[in-house]
Amino acid sequence: MAPKSYDSPSFYGWEQCTTQTFLNGTNQKGYGGYDGDIKENDLIELIINCEISKIKLINHRSTKRYQIPIDASKSPFPWKLSVNIVNINDCVRIVKLKKQWFSSKDREQRVAWCQKYAHFSKHDWRNVIFSDESTFYVLERKNQVKIWRTDEERLHPDCIQQVNTGRGDKLGIWGGISGRGTTEPRIFNENMNGSVYCEVLSNELKRSMNKFQDKAKLIFQQDLAPWHTSHIVTTKMKQMKLNVLDWPAKSPDLNPIEMAWSILDKKIDGNAYLQ
C-alpha cells in the first residue's frame, strides 16, 4: 500500500462527505450512485465478499446501498481493510455482530422438541437437572442477553455490543440446577473434553443425584457439545443408567442455567479486586 492508501492501484472504496469512489486507485466520482451521505454516528455495514470479488457498503440511517466489483488481478488476496482518518478527533468504532443461525432442519427439530414435551407438567420439569459448563475470563464478559431480531435490525444499537481485545486469565465451571436443588460444582482449569466430562458424571453428578429423593424420576439434561456426544461419554451414561433428556441443536435459550452463568459473570465484573 502507498502512504496514501487510496493512491494504490489495488485500492477500492468510498470517501465520506464527497462522491469520490475509488476503483484500482482511480477516482470515479458518483460510481453506482454514491453521494457521500455519511454522517457522524452513522452505522455503516461493510460486506466483503471474496467469493464473488465484490464489496458492499450499507448505511443503516439512510438505507442506501452501494456495491463495487473488485478486479482480483489488480487487488490480489489477501485483502486488507484500510480506514483513513481525516481529522485529529475522528474515530471509528468496530462492532461485532452476534446471531444464532438456524437452518430449516434446526427449526423443525426445535418445534418437534417443543411438541414432544408440551405435556410435561410443572412437577415433571422439577425433576430435570439442567446442566452446563462455562468458562469465565477476567477481561471478557458474557453479556448473556438473548434477543430475537430481524436481519434488518442487526446493526441497531440494541443488537450490537463492543468487544475487548484479550481475555485475561480464565476458569471453567460445570454445574446443574433443578427444582430439587443444585448439583455440586466442578471447577477446572483444563479444557473440557470427554475424559474430564466422564469424571464430572462419575463424581459431582452422581454424588448430587444420590442426595435427591426419588432418584429414579430424575432426568438429566445436557446440550450437544462434542464431548457430551462422544463415544466415551455416551458409554459412561449408559453404565450409569442416566435418563437423558433429548435436546434440540442451538438452543441455549431453553436452558435456564444459562441465566445463572450470566448472573455469575456480572458478579465477576463487579469484583473490585479483579478490576
C-alpha atoms as a PDB file:
ATOM      1  CA  MET A   1       0.000   0.000   0.000  1.00  0.00           C
ATOM      2  CA  ALA A   2       1.145   3.541  -0.704  1.00  0.00           C
ATOM      3  CA  PRO A   3       1.360   6.072   2.186  1.00  0.00           C
ATOM      4  CA  LYS A   4      -1.998   7.355   0.926  1.00  0.00           C
ATOM      5  CA  SER A   5      -3.841   4.080   0.508  1.00  0.00           C
ATOM      6  CA  TYR A   6      -6.345   5.481  -1.970  1.00  0.00           C
ATOM      7  CA  ASP A   7      -3.444   6.178  -4.382  1.00  0.00           C
ATOM      8  CA  SER A   8      -2.627   2.472  -4.531  1.00  0.00           C
ATOM      9  CA  PRO A   9      -3.650   0.700  -7.770  1.00  0.00           C
ATOM     10  CA  SER A  10      -5.154  -2.073  -5.600  1.00  0.00           C
ATOM     11  CA  PHE A  11      -7.406   0.293  -3.621  1.00  0.00           C
ATOM     12  CA  TYR A  12     -11.205   0.155  -3.770  1.00  0.00           C
ATOM     13  CA  GLY A  13     -13.623   2.096  -1.586  1.00  0.00           C
ATOM     14  CA  TRP A  14     -15.619   5.192  -0.777  1.00  0.00           C
ATOM     15  CA  GLU A  15     -14.912   8.589   0.796  1.00  0.00           C
ATOM     16  CA  GLN A  16     -17.144  10.247   3.361  1.00  0.00           C
ATOM     17  CA  CYS A  17     -18.973  13.524   2.563  1.00  0.00           C
ATOM     18  CA  THR A  18     -17.905  13.505  -1.088  1.00  0.00           C
ATOM     19  CA  THR A  19     -18.926  11.459  -4.107  1.00  0.00           C
ATOM     20  CA  GLN A  20     -15.412  10.086  -4.541  1.00  0.00           C
ATOM     21  CA  THR A  21     -15.390   6.362  -5.260  1.00  0.00           C
ATOM     22  CA  PHE A  22     -12.104   4.579  -5.902  1.00  0.00           C
ATOM     23  CA  LEU A  23     -11.586   1.652  -8.236  1.00  0.00           C
ATOM     24  CA  ASN A  24      -7.994   0.471  -8.749  1.00  0.00           C
ATOM     25  CA  GLY A  25      -6.813   3.658  -7.076  1.00  0.00           C
ATOM     26  CA  THR A  26      -8.665   5.777  -9.652  1.00  0.00           C
ATOM     27  CA  ASN A  27     -11.333   8.226  -8.517  1.00  0.00           C
ATOM     28  CA  GLN A  28     -14.631   7.574 -10.265  1.00  0.00           C
ATOM     29  CA  LYS A  29     -16.955  10.138  -8.699  1.00  0.00           C
ATOM     30  CA  GLY A  30     -20.502   9.021  -8.042  1.00  0.00           C
ATOM     31  CA  TYR A  31     -19.875   5.445  -9.138  1.00  0.00           C
ATOM     32  CA  GLY A  32     -23.012   3.366  -8.638  1.00  0.00           C
ATOM     33  CA  GLY A  33     -24.904   6.449  -7.456  1.00  0.00           C
ATOM     34  CA  TYR A  34     -22.693   7.050  -4.395  1.00  0.00           C
ATOM     35  CA  ASP A  35     -23.472  10.503  -2.916  1.00  0.00           C
ATOM     36  CA  GLY A  36     -21.181  10.570   0.151  1.00  0.00           C
ATOM     37  CA  ASP A  37     -24.106  10.875   2.565  1.00  0.00           C
ATOM     38  CA  ILE A  38     -22.310   9.577   5.685  1.00  0.00           C
ATOM     39  CA  LYS A  39     -22.733  11.496   8.930  1.00  0.00           C
ATOM     40  CA  GLU A  40     -21.419  11.323  12.486  1.00  0.00           C
ATOM     41  CA  ASN A  41     -22.723   8.296  14.449  1.00  0.00           C
ATOM     42  CA  ASP A  42     -23.979   6.560  11.314  1.00  0.00           C
ATOM     43  CA  LEU A  43     -23.940   2.771  11.438  1.00  0.00           C
ATOM     44  CA  ILE A  44     -22.083   1.617   8.341  1.00  0.00           C
ATOM     45  CA  GLU A  45     -22.014  -2.044   7.362  1.00  0.00           C
ATOM     46  CA  LEU A  46     -19.195  -3.137   5.071  1.00  0.00           C
ATOM     47  CA  ILE A  47     -19.640  -6.524   3.412  1.00  0.00           C
ATOM     48  CA  ILE A  48     -16.513  -8.028   1.848  1.00  0.00           C
ATOM     49  CA  ASN A  49     -17.434 -10.927  -0.415  1.00  0.00           C
ATOM     50  CA  CYS A  50     -14.258 -12.675  -1.502  1.00  0.00           C
ATOM     51  CA  GLU A  51     -16.099 -15.423  -3.395  1.00  0.00           C
ATOM     52  CA  ILE A  52     -17.605 -13.080  -5.985  1.00  0.00           C
ATOM     53  CA  SER A  53     -14.966 -10.313  -5.573  1.00  0.00           C
ATOM     54  CA  LYS A  54     -17.304  -7.519  -4.506  1.00  0.00           C
ATOM     55  CA  ILE A  55     -17.560  -5.107  -1.591  1.00  0.00           C
ATOM     56  CA  LYS A  56     -20.808  -3.557  -0.433  1.00  0.00           C
ATOM     57  CA  LEU A  57     -21.473  -0.508   1.767  1.00  0.00           C
ATOM     58  CA  ILE A  58     -24.803  -0.158   3.614  1.00  0.00           C
ATOM     59  CA  ASN A  59     -25.790   2.973   5.529  1.00  0.00           C
ATOM     60  CA  HIS A  60     -28.416   1.931   8.077  1.00  0.00           C
ATOM     61  CA  ARG A  61     -29.587   5.501   8.675  1.00  0.00           C
ATOM     62  CA  SER A  62     -30.326   6.335   5.056  1.00  0.00           C
ATOM     63  CA  THR A  63     -30.816   2.662   4.000  1.00  0.00           C
ATOM     64  CA  LYS A  64     -28.665   3.422   0.949  1.00  0.00           C
ATOM     65  CA  ARG A  65     -26.589   0.603  -0.509  1.00  0.00           C
ATOM     66  CA  TYR A  66     -23.577   0.709  -2.807  1.00  0.00           C
ATOM     67  CA  GLN A  67     -21.503  -2.022  -4.411  1.00  0.00           C
ATOM     68  CA  ILE A  68     -18.121  -2.138  -6.133  1.00  0.00           C
ATOM     69  CA  PRO A  69     -16.732  -5.052  -8.172  1.00  0.00           C
ATOM     70  CA  ILE A  70     -13.102  -5.936  -7.424  1.00  0.00           C
ATOM     71  CA  ASP A  71     -10.584  -6.904 -10.083  1.00  0.00           C
ATOM     72  CA  ALA A  72      -8.705  -9.655  -8.204  1.00  0.00           C
ATOM     73  CA  SER A  73      -5.855  -9.493 -10.727  1.00  0.00           C
ATOM     74  CA  LYS A  74      -5.149  -5.906  -9.643  1.00  0.00           C
ATOM     75  CA  SER A  75      -6.126  -6.371  -5.983  1.00  0.00           C
ATOM     76  CA  PRO A  76      -4.904  -9.908  -5.160  1.00  0.00           C
ATOM     77  CA  PHE A  77      -5.609 -11.752  -1.934  1.00  0.00           C
ATOM     78  CA  PRO A  78      -5.192 -11.359   0.962  1.00  0.00           C
ATOM     79  CA  TRP A  79      -7.210  -8.151   1.048  1.00  0.00           C
ATOM     80  CA  LYS A  80      -6.515  -5.538   3.698  1.00  0.00           C
ATOM     81  CA  LEU A  81      -9.081  -3.242   5.329  1.00  0.00           C
ATOM     82  CA  SER A  82      -7.922   0.398   5.342  1.00  0.00           C
ATOM     83  CA  VAL A  83      -9.666   3.237   7.197  1.00  0.00           C
ATOM     84  CA  ASN A  84      -8.338   6.751   6.580  1.00  0.00           C
ATOM     85  CA  ILE A  85      -8.980   9.258   9.390  1.00  0.00           C
ATOM     86  CA  VAL A  86      -9.042  12.860   8.172  1.00  0.00           C
ATOM     87  CA  ASN A  87      -9.412  14.962  11.330  1.00  0.00           C
ATOM     88  CA  ILE A  88      -7.444  14.512  14.567  1.00  0.00           C
ATOM     89  CA  ASN A  89     -10.561  13.861  16.671  1.00  0.00           C
ATOM     90  CA  ASP A  90     -12.194  11.472  14.208  1.00  0.00           C
ATOM     91  CA  CYS A  91     -12.623   7.870  15.280  1.00  0.00           C
ATOM     92  CA  VAL A  92     -14.189   4.653  14.046  1.00  0.00           C
ATOM     93  CA  ARG A  93     -15.753   2.024  16.314  1.00  0.00           C
ATOM     94  CA  ILE A  94     -15.852  -1.537  15.020  1.00  0.00           C
ATOM     95  CA  VAL A  95     -18.616  -3.712  16.458  1.00  0.00           C
ATOM     96  CA  LYS A  96     -19.165  -7.456  16.381  1.00  0.00           C
ATOM     97  CA  LEU A  97     -22.496  -8.853  15.280  1.00  0.00           C
ATOM     98  CA  LYS A  98     -23.942 -11.877  17.047  1.00  0.00           C
ATOM     99  CA  LYS A  99     -26.611 -14.060  15.567  1.00  0.00           C
ATOM    100  CA  GLN A 100     -27.793 -17.554  16.251  1.00  0.00           C
ATOM    101  CA  TRP A 101     -28.201 -19.086  12.808  1.00  0.00           C
ATOM    102  CA  PHE A 102     -30.926 -21.715  12.435  1.00  0.00           C
ATOM    103  CA  SER A 103     -31.176 -23.984   9.434  1.00  0.00           C
ATOM    104  CA  SER A 104     -34.579 -25.285   8.357  1.00  0.00           C
ATOM    105  CA  LYS A 105     -33.639 -28.607   9.956  1.00  0.00           C
ATOM    106  CA  ASP A 106     -32.790 -26.850  13.235  1.00  0.00           C
ATOM    107  CA  ARG A 107     -36.184 -25.149  13.228  1.00  0.00           C
ATOM    108  CA  GLU A 108     -38.004 -28.402  12.561  1.00  0.00           C
ATOM    109  CA  GLN A 109     -36.158 -30.182  15.371  1.00  0.00           C
ATOM    110  CA  ARG A 110     -36.864 -27.362  17.799  1.00  0.00           C
ATOM    111  CA  VAL A 111     -40.601 -27.363  17.024  1.00  0.00           C
ATOM    112  CA  ALA A 112     -40.689 -31.155  17.280  1.00  0.00           C
ATOM    113  CA  TRP A 113     -38.967 -30.980  20.682  1.00  0.00           C
ATOM    114  CA  CYS A 114     -41.490 -28.442  21.971  1.00  0.00           C
ATOM    115  CA  GLN A 115     -44.383 -30.568  20.768  1.00  0.00           C
ATOM    116  CA  LYS A 116     -42.890 -33.704  22.323  1.00  0.00           C
ATOM    117  CA  TYR A 117     -42.618 -32.148  25.780  1.00  0.00           C
ATOM    118  CA  ALA A 118     -45.706 -29.933  25.667  1.00  0.00           C
ATOM    119  CA  HIS A 119     -47.450 -32.378  28.008  1.00  0.00           C
ATOM    120  CA  PHE A 120     -44.784 -32.016  30.732  1.00  0.00           C
ATOM    121  CA  SER A 121     -46.257 -30.665  33.953  1.00  0.00           C
ATOM    122  CA  LYS A 122     -44.571 -28.298  36.377  1.00  0.00           C
ATOM    123  CA  HIS A 123     -43.728 -31.315  38.517  1.00  0.00           C
ATOM    124  CA  ASP A 124     -42.114 -33.081  35.551  1.00  0.00           C
ATOM    125  CA  TRP A 125     -39.843 -30.130  34.853  1.00  0.00           C
ATOM    126  CA  ARG A 126     -38.826 -30.002  38.517  1.00  0.00           C
ATOM    127  CA  ASN A 127     -37.229 -33.409  38.001  1.00  0.00           C
ATOM    128  CA  VAL A 128     -34.990 -32.172  35.188  1.00  0.00           C
ATOM    129  CA  ILE A 129     -31.371 -31.373  36.080  1.00  0.00           C
ATOM    130  CA  PHE A 130     -30.324 -28.648  33.636  1.00  0.00           C
ATOM    131  CA  SER A 131     -26.536 -28.802  33.322  1.00  0.00           C
ATOM    132  CA  ASP A 132     -23.844 -26.904  31.505  1.00  0.00           C
ATOM    133  CA  GLU A 133     -20.226 -25.846  31.729  1.00  0.00           C
ATOM    134  CA  SER A 134     -18.916 -22.361  31.151  1.00  0.00           C
ATOM    135  CA  THR A 135     -15.608 -20.522  31.064  1.00  0.00           C
ATOM    136  CA  PHE A 136     -15.141 -17.191  32.807  1.00  0.00           C
ATOM    137  CA  TYR A 137     -12.482 -14.648  31.863  1.00  0.00           C
ATOM    138  CA  VAL A 138     -11.110 -11.713  33.812  1.00  0.00           C
ATOM    139  CA  LEU A 139     -11.380  -9.234  30.928  1.00  0.00           C
ATOM    140  CA  GLU A 140     -14.222 -10.589  28.825  1.00  0.00           C
ATOM    141  CA  ARG A 141     -17.847 -10.561  29.906  1.00  0.00           C
ATOM    142  CA  LYS A 142     -20.525 -12.920  28.664  1.00  0.00           C
ATOM    143  CA  ASN A 143     -23.379 -10.409  28.435  1.00  0.00           C
ATOM    144  CA  GLN A 144     -25.862 -13.241  28.086  1.00  0.00           C
ATOM    145  CA  VAL A 145     -28.809 -11.249  26.798  1.00  0.00           C
ATOM    146  CA  LYS A 146     -30.810 -13.291  24.292  1.00  0.00           C
ATOM    147  CA  ILE A 147     -32.732 -11.375  21.658  1.00  0.00           C
ATOM    148  CA  TRP A 148     -34.968 -12.091  18.691  1.00  0.00           C
ATOM    149  CA  ARG A 149     -34.364  -9.736  15.782  1.00  0.00           C
ATOM    150  CA  THR A 150     -34.716  -9.451  12.024  1.00  0.00           C
ATOM    151  CA  ASP A 151     -31.827  -9.181   9.566  1.00  0.00           C
ATOM    152  CA  GLU A 152     -32.656  -5.503   9.096  1.00  0.00           C
ATOM    153  CA  GLU A 153     -32.183  -4.877  12.845  1.00  0.00           C
ATOM    154  CA  ARG A 154     -28.717  -6.440  13.110  1.00  0.00           C
ATOM    155  CA  LEU A 155     -26.949  -3.060  13.367  1.00  0.00           C
ATOM    156  CA  HIS A 156     -29.490  -1.458  15.671  1.00  0.00           C
ATOM    157  CA  PRO A 157     -27.731  -0.182  18.858  1.00  0.00           C
ATOM    158  CA  ASP A 158     -29.744  -2.627  20.968  1.00  0.00           C
ATOM    159  CA  CYS A 159     -28.475  -5.569  18.894  1.00  0.00           C
ATOM    160  CA  ILE A 160     -24.710  -4.986  18.997  1.00  0.00           C
ATOM    161  CA  GLN A 161     -22.010  -4.979  21.636  1.00  0.00           C
ATOM    162  CA  GLN A 162     -18.488  -3.626  21.948  1.00  0.00           C
ATOM    163  CA  VAL A 163     -15.695  -6.161  22.413  1.00  0.00           C
ATOM    164  CA  ASN A 164     -12.352  -6.128  24.202  1.00  0.00           C
ATOM    165  CA  THR A 165      -9.024  -7.324  22.860  1.00  0.00           C
ATOM    166  CA  GLY A 166      -7.637 -10.079  25.057  1.00  0.00           C
ATOM    167  CA  ARG A 167      -9.454 -12.104  27.694  1.00  0.00           C
ATOM    168  CA  GLY A 168      -7.090 -12.402  30.645  1.00  0.00           C
ATOM    169  CA  ASP A 169      -6.957 -15.467  32.903  1.00  0.00           C
ATOM    170  CA  LYS A 170      -9.781 -17.995  32.790  1.00  0.00           C
ATOM    171  CA  LEU A 171     -11.531 -20.553  34.973  1.00  0.00           C
ATOM    172  CA  GLY A 172     -14.050 -23.210  33.974  1.00  0.00           C
ATOM    173  CA  ILE A 173     -17.059 -24.400  35.952  1.00  0.00           C
ATOM    174  CA  TRP A 174     -19.608 -27.191  35.478  1.00  0.00           C
ATOM    175  CA  GLY A 175     -22.875 -27.271  37.369  1.00  0.00           C
ATOM    176  CA  GLY A 176     -26.534 -28.213  37.308  1.00  0.00           C
ATOM    177  CA  ILE A 177     -29.800 -26.780  38.635  1.00  0.00           C
ATOM    178  CA  SER A 178     -33.246 -28.283  39.102  1.00  0.00           C
ATOM    179  CA  GLY A 179     -36.456 -27.938  41.077  1.00  0.00           C
ATOM    180  CA  ARG A 180     -34.903 -30.376  43.550  1.00  0.00           C
ATOM    181  CA  GLY A 181     -31.820 -28.222  44.158  1.00  0.00           C
ATOM    182  CA  THR A 182     -28.359 -27.658  42.712  1.00  0.00           C
ATOM    183  CA  THR A 183     -25.554 -30.089  41.939  1.00  0.00           C
ATOM    184  CA  GLU A 184     -22.038 -29.890  43.267  1.00  0.00           C
ATOM    185  CA  PRO A 185     -19.959 -27.621  41.018  1.00  0.00           C
ATOM    186  CA  ARG A 186     -16.822 -28.780  39.253  1.00  0.00           C
ATOM    187  CA  ILE A 187     -14.090 -26.154  38.916  1.00  0.00           C
ATOM    188  CA  PHE A 188     -11.478 -26.868  36.253  1.00  0.00           C
ATOM    189  CA  ASN A 189      -8.524 -25.153  34.584  1.00  0.00           C
ATOM    190  CA  GLU A 190      -8.036 -27.589  31.717  1.00  0.00           C
ATOM    191  CA  ASN A 191     -10.066 -27.587  28.539  1.00  0.00           C
ATOM    192  CA  MET A 192     -13.223 -29.656  28.834  1.00  0.00           C
ATOM    193  CA  ASN A 193     -13.147 -32.958  26.920  1.00  0.00           C
ATOM    194  CA  GLY A 194     -14.724 -36.398  27.048  1.00  0.00           C
ATOM    195  CA  SER A 195     -12.410 -37.739  29.765  1.00  0.00           C
ATOM    196  CA  VAL A 196     -12.898 -34.752  32.074  1.00  0.00           C
ATOM    197  CA  TYR A 197     -16.655 -34.843  31.490  1.00  0.00           C
ATOM    198  CA  CYS A 198     -16.785 -38.542  32.431  1.00  0.00           C
ATOM    199  CA  GLU A 199     -15.135 -37.608  35.728  1.00  0.00           C
ATOM    200  CA  VAL A 200     -17.837 -34.978  36.282  1.00  0.00           C
ATOM    201  CA  LEU A 201     -20.584 -37.533  35.665  1.00  0.00           C
ATOM    202  CA  SER A 202     -18.993 -40.129  37.944  1.00  0.00           C
ATOM    203  CA  ASN A 203     -18.276 -37.709  40.766  1.00  0.00           C
ATOM    204  CA  GLU A 204     -20.137 -34.401  41.000  1.00  0.00           C
ATOM    205  CA  LEU A 205     -23.295 -35.530  39.209  1.00  0.00           C
ATOM    206  CA  LYS A 206     -23.526 -38.941  40.855  1.00  0.00           C
ATOM    207  CA  ARG A 207     -22.991 -37.580  44.382  1.00  0.00           C
ATOM    208  CA  SER A 208     -25.564 -34.856  43.755  1.00  0.00           C
ATOM    209  CA  MET A 209     -28.202 -37.250  42.440  1.00  0.00           C
ATOM    210  CA  ASN A 210     -27.714 -39.548  45.438  1.00  0.00           C
ATOM    211  CA  LYS A 211     -28.793 -36.666  47.697  1.00  0.00           C
ATOM    212  CA  PHE A 212     -32.146 -36.242  45.933  1.00  0.00           C
ATOM    213  CA  GLN A 213     -35.242 -38.252  46.785  1.00  0.00           C
ATOM    214  CA  ASP A 214     -36.921 -40.388  44.106  1.00  0.00           C
ATOM    215  CA  LYS A 215     -33.690 -40.560  42.187  1.00  0.00           C
ATOM    216  CA  ALA A 216     -35.300 -42.809  39.587  1.00  0.00           C
ATOM    217  CA  LYS A 217     -37.513 -39.905  38.442  1.00  0.00           C
ATOM    218  CA  LEU A 218     -34.589 -37.587  37.710  1.00  0.00           C
ATOM    219  CA  ILE A 219     -33.938 -36.544  34.117  1.00  0.00           C
ATOM    220  CA  PHE A 220     -30.504 -35.277  33.098  1.00  0.00           C
ATOM    221  CA  GLN A 221     -30.179 -32.508  30.516  1.00  0.00           C
ATOM    222  CA  GLN A 222     -27.076 -31.557  28.560  1.00  0.00           C
ATOM    223  CA  ASP A 223     -26.512 -29.744  25.280  1.00  0.00           C
ATOM    224  CA  LEU A 224     -24.917 -31.151  22.132  1.00  0.00           C
ATOM    225  CA  ALA A 225     -21.316 -30.116  22.825  1.00  0.00           C
ATOM    226  CA  PRO A 226     -18.898 -32.533  21.079  1.00  0.00           C
ATOM    227  CA  TRP A 227     -17.632 -34.032  24.354  1.00  0.00           C
ATOM    228  CA  HIS A 228     -21.212 -34.638  25.521  1.00  0.00           C
ATOM    229  CA  THR A 229     -21.956 -36.781  22.477  1.00  0.00           C
ATOM    230  CA  SER A 230     -18.579 -38.557  22.249  1.00  0.00           C
ATOM    231  CA  HIS A 231     -18.453 -42.353  22.433  1.00  0.00           C
ATOM    232  CA  ILE A 232     -16.664 -42.395  25.787  1.00  0.00           C
ATOM    233  CA  VAL A 233     -19.375 -40.190  27.354  1.00  0.00           C
ATOM    234  CA  THR A 234     -22.385 -41.996  25.871  1.00  0.00           C
ATOM    235  CA  THR A 235     -20.906 -45.262  27.121  1.00  0.00           C
ATOM    236  CA  LYS A 236     -20.459 -43.788  30.606  1.00  0.00           C
ATOM    237  CA  MET A 237     -24.064 -42.527  30.694  1.00  0.00           C
ATOM    238  CA  LYS A 238     -25.366 -45.967  29.731  1.00  0.00           C
ATOM    239  CA  GLN A 239     -23.308 -47.521  32.530  1.00  0.00           C
ATOM    240  CA  MET A 240     -24.778 -45.026  34.990  1.00  0.00           C
ATOM    241  CA  LYS A 241     -28.282 -45.653  33.566  1.00  0.00           C
ATOM    242  CA  LEU A 242     -28.943 -41.934  33.234  1.00  0.00           C
ATOM    243  CA  ASN A 243     -32.308 -40.834  31.888  1.00  0.00           C
ATOM    244  CA  VAL A 244     -31.102 -38.197  29.423  1.00  0.00           C
ATOM    245  CA  LEU A 245     -33.399 -35.538  28.001  1.00  0.00           C
ATOM    246  CA  ASP A 246     -33.029 -35.247  24.236  1.00  0.00           C
ATOM    247  CA  TRP A 247     -32.100 -31.714  23.220  1.00  0.00           C
ATOM    248  CA  PRO A 248     -32.511 -29.620  20.038  1.00  0.00           C
ATOM    249  CA  ALA A 249     -29.425 -28.054  18.478  1.00  0.00           C
ATOM    250  CA  LYS A 250     -28.578 -24.377  19.030  1.00  0.00           C
ATOM    251  CA  SER A 251     -30.986 -23.903  21.923  1.00  0.00           C
ATOM    252  CA  PRO A 252     -29.108 -22.298  24.837  1.00  0.00           C
ATOM    253  CA  ASP A 253     -32.118 -20.047  25.465  1.00  0.00           C
ATOM    254  CA  LEU A 254     -34.105 -23.121  26.546  1.00  0.00           C
ATOM    255  CA  ASN A 255     -31.639 -23.905  29.336  1.00  0.00           C
ATOM    256  CA  PRO A 256     -32.281 -21.834  32.494  1.00  0.00           C
ATOM    257  CA  ILE A 257     -28.731 -22.367  33.795  1.00  0.00           C
ATOM    258  CA  GLU A 258     -27.503 -20.014  31.061  1.00  0.00           C
ATOM    259  CA  MET A 259     -29.047 -17.184  33.065  1.00  0.00           C
ATOM    260  CA  ALA A 260     -27.165 -18.358  36.151  1.00  0.00           C
ATOM    261  CA  TRP A 261     -23.885 -18.065  34.240  1.00  0.00           C
ATOM    262  CA  SER A 262     -24.825 -14.545  33.220  1.00  0.00           C
ATOM    263  CA  ILE A 263     -25.553 -13.579  36.853  1.00  0.00           C
ATOM    264  CA  LEU A 264     -22.233 -15.057  37.988  1.00  0.00           C
ATOM    265  CA  ASP A 265     -20.413 -13.237  35.207  1.00  0.00           C
ATOM    266  CA  LYS A 266     -21.895  -9.914  36.329  1.00  0.00           C
ATOM    267  CA  LYS A 267     -20.690 -10.579  39.874  1.00  0.00           C
ATOM    268  CA  ILE A 268     -17.184 -11.129  38.492  1.00  0.00           C
ATOM    269  CA  ASP A 269     -17.483  -7.896  36.545  1.00  0.00           C
ATOM    270  CA  GLY A 270     -18.341  -6.045  39.778  1.00  0.00           C
ATOM    271  CA  ASN A 271     -15.400  -7.507  41.693  1.00  0.00           C
ATOM    272  CA  ALA A 272     -13.147  -4.549  42.538  1.00  0.00           C
ATOM    273  CA  TYR A 273     -10.184  -6.867  43.144  1.00  0.00           C
ATOM    274  CA  LEU A 274     -10.281  -8.174  39.577  1.00  0.00           C
ATOM    275  CA  GLN A 275     -10.590  -4.666  38.221  1.00  0.00           C
END
